[in-house]
Amino acid sequence: AVSLAVGGAGAVLAWHVGYQTWKHGLANAFLKSMLRKGSWTASLWHFWAMWDRSALLADDALTEEEKVQKDRNINGRYVRRTGEHHPPDKKDEIRAEARAQTG
C-alpha cells in the first residue's frame, strides 16, 4: 500500500512538473539557454534565475525599489555561480542575438 501511494504521488508530481513546464514555456526556454550557453549547468542556473525573476515581477506586495534590489540579488547569485555577466545596457542586444540564433 505504501509503495502504491509513493508511486501515485510520484506520478502526480511528474505530471505537475510536465504541465508547468508546458504552461510557462520552460522547456523551450531551457533548450534555448542550453544552446546559447553550451552547458546544462549554466543553463540550469539561468533557468533558476529566470524562474525567480518571474515570481518576483508577479509579486504585487513588493515596491518597485524592493523588486529592483531583489532582482539585483538574483542576478548576483547567477553571476557568482556561472561567471557570466552582461552589462544591463547590453541585455536587449544579447537577447536579440540569441533569438536570431535559436529561432
C-alpha atoms as a PDB file:
ATOM      1  CA  ALA A   1       0.000   0.000   0.000  1.00  0.00           C
ATOM      2  CA  VAL A   2       2.853   2.381   0.822  1.00  0.00           C
ATOM      3  CA  SER A   3       4.645   1.717  -2.447  1.00  0.00           C
ATOM      4  CA  LEU A   4       1.391   2.311  -4.347  1.00  0.00           C
ATOM      5  CA  ALA A   5       0.919   5.649  -2.558  1.00  0.00           C
ATOM      6  CA  VAL A   6       4.523   6.688  -3.225  1.00  0.00           C
ATOM      7  CA  GLY A   7       4.232   5.655  -6.869  1.00  0.00           C
ATOM      8  CA  GLY A   8       0.969   7.583  -7.216  1.00  0.00           C
ATOM      9  CA  ALA A   9       2.491  10.676  -5.619  1.00  0.00           C
ATOM     10  CA  GLY A  10       5.473  10.395  -7.966  1.00  0.00           C
ATOM     11  CA  ALA A  11       3.162  10.179 -10.984  1.00  0.00           C
ATOM     12  CA  VAL A  12       1.223  13.246  -9.837  1.00  0.00           C
ATOM     13  CA  LEU A  13       4.457  15.161  -9.267  1.00  0.00           C
ATOM     14  CA  ALA A  14       5.786  14.177 -12.704  1.00  0.00           C
ATOM     15  CA  TRP A  15       2.506  15.291 -14.312  1.00  0.00           C
ATOM     16  CA  HIS A  16       2.602  18.594 -12.394  1.00  0.00           C
ATOM     17  CA  VAL A  17       6.181  19.370 -13.443  1.00  0.00           C
ATOM     18  CA  GLY A  18       5.397  18.482 -17.056  1.00  0.00           C
ATOM     19  CA  TYR A  19       2.263  20.620 -17.046  1.00  0.00           C
ATOM     20  CA  GLN A  20       4.022  23.633 -15.510  1.00  0.00           C
ATOM     21  CA  THR A  21       6.893  23.258 -17.990  1.00  0.00           C
ATOM     22  CA  TRP A  22       4.431  23.305 -20.886  1.00  0.00           C
ATOM     23  CA  LYS A  23       2.227  26.047 -19.399  1.00  0.00           C
ATOM     24  CA  HIS A  24       5.082  28.501 -18.884  1.00  0.00           C
ATOM     25  CA  GLY A  25       7.129  27.561 -21.965  1.00  0.00           C
ATOM     26  CA  LEU A  26      10.002  26.465 -19.754  1.00  0.00           C
ATOM     27  CA  ALA A  27      11.175  23.528 -21.873  1.00  0.00           C
ATOM     28  CA  ASN A  28      11.707  25.808 -24.867  1.00  0.00           C
ATOM     29  CA  ALA A  29      13.417  28.425 -22.709  1.00  0.00           C
ATOM     30  CA  PHE A  30      15.741  25.820 -21.192  1.00  0.00           C
ATOM     31  CA  LEU A  31      16.634  24.456 -24.648  1.00  0.00           C
ATOM     32  CA  LYS A  32      17.441  27.950 -25.915  1.00  0.00           C
ATOM     33  CA  SER A  33      19.548  28.594 -22.837  1.00  0.00           C
ATOM     34  CA  MET A  34      21.490  25.364 -23.350  1.00  0.00           C
ATOM     35  CA  LEU A  35      22.132  26.232 -26.990  1.00  0.00           C
ATOM     36  CA  ARG A  36      23.387  29.725 -26.079  1.00  0.00           C
ATOM     37  CA  LYS A  37      25.457  28.756 -23.062  1.00  0.00           C
ATOM     38  CA  GLY A  38      26.764  25.378 -24.221  1.00  0.00           C
ATOM     39  CA  SER A  39      26.399  23.743 -20.813  1.00  0.00           C
ATOM     40  CA  TRP A  40      23.441  22.320 -18.986  1.00  0.00           C
ATOM     41  CA  THR A  41      24.735  23.519 -15.598  1.00  0.00           C
ATOM     42  CA  ALA A  42      24.954  27.177 -16.669  1.00  0.00           C
ATOM     43  CA  SER A  43      21.549  26.740 -18.266  1.00  0.00           C
ATOM     44  CA  LEU A  44      20.168  25.303 -15.049  1.00  0.00           C
ATOM     45  CA  TRP A  45      21.414  28.310 -13.056  1.00  0.00           C
ATOM     46  CA  HIS A  46      19.959  30.606 -15.719  1.00  0.00           C
ATOM     47  CA  PHE A  47      16.664  28.736 -15.620  1.00  0.00           C
ATOM     48  CA  TRP A  48      16.525  29.102 -11.830  1.00  0.00           C
ATOM     49  CA  ALA A  49      17.312  32.826 -12.012  1.00  0.00           C
ATOM     50  CA  MET A  50      14.594  33.418 -14.617  1.00  0.00           C
ATOM     51  CA  TRP A  51      12.082  31.423 -12.577  1.00  0.00           C
ATOM     52  CA  ASP A  52      12.869  33.530  -9.508  1.00  0.00           C
ATOM     53  CA  ARG A  53      12.705  36.723 -11.552  1.00  0.00           C
ATOM     54  CA  SER A  54       9.282  35.825 -12.983  1.00  0.00           C
ATOM     55  CA  ALA A  55       7.956  35.221  -9.475  1.00  0.00           C
ATOM     56  CA  LEU A  56       9.498  38.487  -8.321  1.00  0.00           C
ATOM     57  CA  LEU A  57       7.874  40.532 -11.082  1.00  0.00           C
ATOM     58  CA  ALA A  58       4.490  38.962 -10.323  1.00  0.00           C
ATOM     59  CA  ASP A  59       4.700  39.820  -6.607  1.00  0.00           C
ATOM     60  CA  ASP A  60       2.430  42.838  -6.181  1.00  0.00           C
ATOM     61  CA  ALA A  61       3.242  43.061  -2.457  1.00  0.00           C
ATOM     62  CA  LEU A  62       6.716  44.455  -3.236  1.00  0.00           C
ATOM     63  CA  THR A  63       7.515  48.051  -4.076  1.00  0.00           C
ATOM     64  CA  GLU A  64       9.466  48.826  -7.245  1.00  0.00           C
ATOM     65  CA  GLU A  65      12.533  49.580  -5.138  1.00  0.00           C
ATOM     66  CA  GLU A  66      12.269  46.183  -3.399  1.00  0.00           C
ATOM     67  CA  LYS A  67      11.862  44.466  -6.763  1.00  0.00           C
ATOM     68  CA  VAL A  68      14.980  46.182  -8.124  1.00  0.00           C
ATOM     69  CA  GLN A  69      17.018  45.119  -5.078  1.00  0.00           C
ATOM     70  CA  LYS A  70      15.773  41.522  -5.187  1.00  0.00           C
ATOM     71  CA  ASP A  71      16.406  41.397  -8.952  1.00  0.00           C
ATOM     72  CA  ARG A  72      19.998  42.516  -8.309  1.00  0.00           C
ATOM     73  CA  ASN A  73      20.363  39.730  -5.736  1.00  0.00           C
ATOM     74  CA  ILE A  74      19.081  37.165  -8.239  1.00  0.00           C
ATOM     75  CA  ASN A  75      21.473  38.463 -10.893  1.00  0.00           C
ATOM     76  CA  GLY A  76      24.362  38.476  -8.411  1.00  0.00           C
ATOM     77  CA  ARG A  77      23.697  34.842  -7.487  1.00  0.00           C
ATOM     78  CA  TYR A  78      23.673  33.914 -11.166  1.00  0.00           C
ATOM     79  CA  VAL A  79      26.950  35.750 -11.875  1.00  0.00           C
ATOM     80  CA  ARG A  80      28.648  34.129  -8.844  1.00  0.00           C
ATOM     81  CA  ARG A  81      27.551  30.663  -9.953  1.00  0.00           C
ATOM     82  CA  THR A  82      28.351  30.949 -13.654  1.00  0.00           C
ATOM     83  CA  GLY A  83      30.846  33.790 -14.017  1.00  0.00           C
ATOM     84  CA  GLU A  84      28.681  35.092 -16.858  1.00  0.00           C
ATOM     85  CA  HIS A  85      27.914  38.800 -16.654  1.00  0.00           C
ATOM     86  CA  HIS A  86      26.161  41.026 -19.138  1.00  0.00           C
ATOM     87  CA  PRO A  87      26.003  44.773 -18.627  1.00  0.00           C
ATOM     88  CA  PRO A  88      22.352  45.833 -18.223  1.00  0.00           C
ATOM     89  CA  ASP A  89      22.542  48.178 -21.207  1.00  0.00           C
ATOM     90  CA  LYS A  90      23.632  45.278 -23.461  1.00  0.00           C
ATOM     91  CA  LYS A  91      20.969  42.732 -22.401  1.00  0.00           C
ATOM     92  CA  ASP A  92      18.460  43.635 -25.127  1.00  0.00           C
ATOM     93  CA  GLU A  93      21.181  43.304 -27.757  1.00  0.00           C
ATOM     94  CA  ILE A  94      22.314  39.931 -26.362  1.00  0.00           C
ATOM     95  CA  ARG A  95      18.721  38.647 -26.234  1.00  0.00           C
ATOM     96  CA  ALA A  96      18.110  39.718 -29.833  1.00  0.00           C
ATOM     97  CA  GLU A  97      21.242  37.885 -30.977  1.00  0.00           C
ATOM     98  CA  ALA A  98      20.210  34.762 -29.051  1.00  0.00           C
ATOM     99  CA  ARG A  99      16.721  34.831 -30.578  1.00  0.00           C
ATOM    100  CA  ALA A 100      18.237  35.122 -34.040  1.00  0.00           C
ATOM    101  CA  GLN A 101      20.441  32.068 -33.361  1.00  0.00           C
ATOM    102  CA  THR A 102      17.763  29.849 -31.821  1.00  0.00           C
ATOM    103  CA  GLY A 103      14.681  30.901 -33.732  1.00  0.00           C
END
